[in-house]
Protein backbone atom coordinates (compact mmCIF):
# COMPACT_ATOMS: atom_id res chain seq x y z
CA MET A 1 104.27 313.59 39.69
CA GLY A 2 101.53 314.32 41.31
CA LEU A 3 100.16 315.71 44.84
CA GLY A 4 99.63 311.85 46.34
CA ASP A 5 103.82 311.74 45.70
CA ILE A 6 104.86 314.04 46.71
CA VAL A 7 102.89 314.35 50.01
CA GLN A 8 103.92 310.13 50.31
CA LYS A 9 108.18 311.73 49.55
CA ALA A 10 107.31 314.05 53.08
CA MET A 11 106.32 311.69 54.52
CA TYR A 12 108.74 309.49 54.14
CA LEU A 13 111.22 313.03 54.26
CA GLY A 14 109.96 313.04 57.59
CA VAL A 15 110.27 309.51 58.74
CA GLY A 16 113.41 310.21 57.73
CA LEU A 17 113.98 312.65 60.06
CA ALA A 18 112.80 311.69 63.33
CA SER A 19 114.77 307.89 62.54
CA LEU A 20 118.12 309.41 61.69
CA ALA A 21 117.14 312.39 65.40
CA GLY A 22 117.02 309.08 67.00
CA GLU A 23 120.12 307.10 66.18
CA LYS A 24 122.05 310.28 66.68
CA ALA A 25 120.31 310.90 70.09
CA THR A 26 121.24 307.01 71.09
CA GLU A 27 124.64 307.83 70.18
CA LYS A 28 124.76 311.07 72.37
CA LEU A 29 123.39 309.61 75.28
CA ALA A 30 124.96 306.20 74.90
CA GLU A 31 128.83 308.68 74.68
CA LEU A 32 127.08 310.86 78.22
CA ARG A 33 127.24 307.50 79.53
CA SER A 34 131.04 306.08 78.81
CA GLN A 35 131.78 308.93 79.38
CA ALA A 36 129.53 309.75 83.58
CA GLN A 37 130.24 305.78 83.74
CA LYS A 38 134.60 306.96 83.03
CA LEU A 39 134.47 309.80 85.42
CA ALA A 40 132.55 307.66 88.48
CA ASP A 41 135.37 304.82 88.25
CA GLU A 42 138.45 307.24 88.13
CA MET A 43 136.29 309.13 92.08
CA VAL A 44 135.59 305.19 93.06
CA ALA A 45 139.10 304.50 92.03
CA ARG A 46 140.72 307.82 94.50
CA GLY A 47 137.77 306.10 97.57
CA GLU A 48 135.72 309.68 97.07
CA MET A 49 132.68 307.55 96.66
CA SER A 50 130.90 304.43 96.26
CA THR A 51 130.39 301.28 93.57
CA GLU A 52 126.76 302.32 94.42
CA GLU A 53 127.05 305.90 94.61
CA ALA A 54 128.72 305.35 91.24
CA ARG A 55 126.26 303.18 90.36
CA ARG A 56 123.70 306.50 91.06
CA PHE A 57 125.40 308.99 89.83
CA VAL A 58 125.43 307.24 86.15
CA ASP A 59 122.22 306.67 86.58
CA GLU A 60 121.28 309.74 87.36
CA MET A 61 123.15 312.20 84.67
CA VAL A 62 121.54 309.88 81.96
CA ASN A 63 117.90 310.08 83.62
CA LYS A 64 118.54 313.75 83.38
CA ALA A 65 119.99 313.80 79.73
CA GLN A 66 117.01 311.74 78.61
CA ASN A 67 114.01 314.77 80.00
CA PRO A 68 115.74 317.72 81.04
CA PRO A 69 113.81 320.15 83.10
CA VAL A 70 111.24 322.29 81.54
CA LYS A 71 111.75 326.26 81.71
CA SER A 72 108.60 328.78 82.34
CA SER A 73 109.80 331.39 79.79
CA ASP A 74 107.66 333.49 82.55
CA PRO A 75 109.54 332.50 85.86
CA LYS A 76 106.67 333.25 88.42
CA PRO A 77 107.35 334.96 91.79
CA ALA A 78 107.16 333.22 94.90
CA GLU A 79 104.46 335.29 96.61
CA PRO A 80 101.85 338.50 94.83
CA ARG A 81 103.26 341.55 95.18
CA LYS A 82 101.91 343.87 97.57
CA ILE A 83 100.06 346.72 97.05
CA GLU A 84 98.51 349.08 98.94
CA ILE A 85 96.43 352.37 98.38
CA LEU A 86 96.28 355.30 99.48
CA ASP A 87 94.20 357.22 99.71
CA GLU A 88 95.50 361.41 99.41
CA ASP A 89 93.03 362.72 102.85
CA GLU A 90 93.28 365.68 105.30
CA SER A 91 93.20 362.68 107.88
CA GLU A 92 96.02 360.79 107.13
CA VAL A 93 98.24 363.98 106.26
CA PRO A 94 100.51 364.61 109.96
CA GLU A 95 99.51 367.96 111.34
CA SER A 96 102.62 370.08 112.27
CA LYS A 97 102.41 369.01 116.16
CA ASP A 98 102.59 365.13 115.14
CA VAL A 99 105.36 365.64 112.87
CA ASP A 100 106.90 368.11 115.58
CA GLU A 101 106.65 365.35 118.89
CA MET A 102 108.07 363.20 116.26
CA ARG A 103 111.19 365.43 115.64
CA ARG A 104 111.38 366.13 119.19
CA ARG A 105 111.55 362.18 119.05
CA VAL A 106 114.64 361.42 117.01
CA GLU A 107 116.24 364.16 118.33
CA GLU A 108 115.89 362.23 122.17
CA LEU A 109 117.28 359.06 120.97
CA GLN A 110 119.92 359.92 119.14
CA LYS A 111 121.63 361.69 121.79
CA GLU A 112 120.98 358.16 124.39
CA LEU A 113 122.77 356.46 121.52
CA LYS A 114 125.69 358.76 121.49
CA HIS A 115 126.27 358.19 124.66
CA LEU A 116 125.83 354.73 124.47
CA ARG A 117 127.80 354.65 121.68
CA ASN A 118 130.41 356.44 124.53
CA ASN A 119 130.17 354.69 127.59
């Protein structure tokens, strides 16, 4: 058995496997169409769906089976993340009098809120 024979047998094996896979896919697709049609017929009989909606339903199911959605392995976020870079300057650190003023203002707002809740 020469190299040519091995290559030829490998090619025949590949063609045979592809043919078998095609037959199996066709069988499964026919089975899916049959099941979808039965479900659609039941829904039409119960008045839950019109015959036109049933036809579209079956076609949609078969199309989804033939063309499954491609999922990306790297999901991308809807928007890029925003990154804030802070410098540790003394100018960005509030002075103690500013902090005291903020505390006083928060206390006033808390008192006002408490008063509003009580009324």
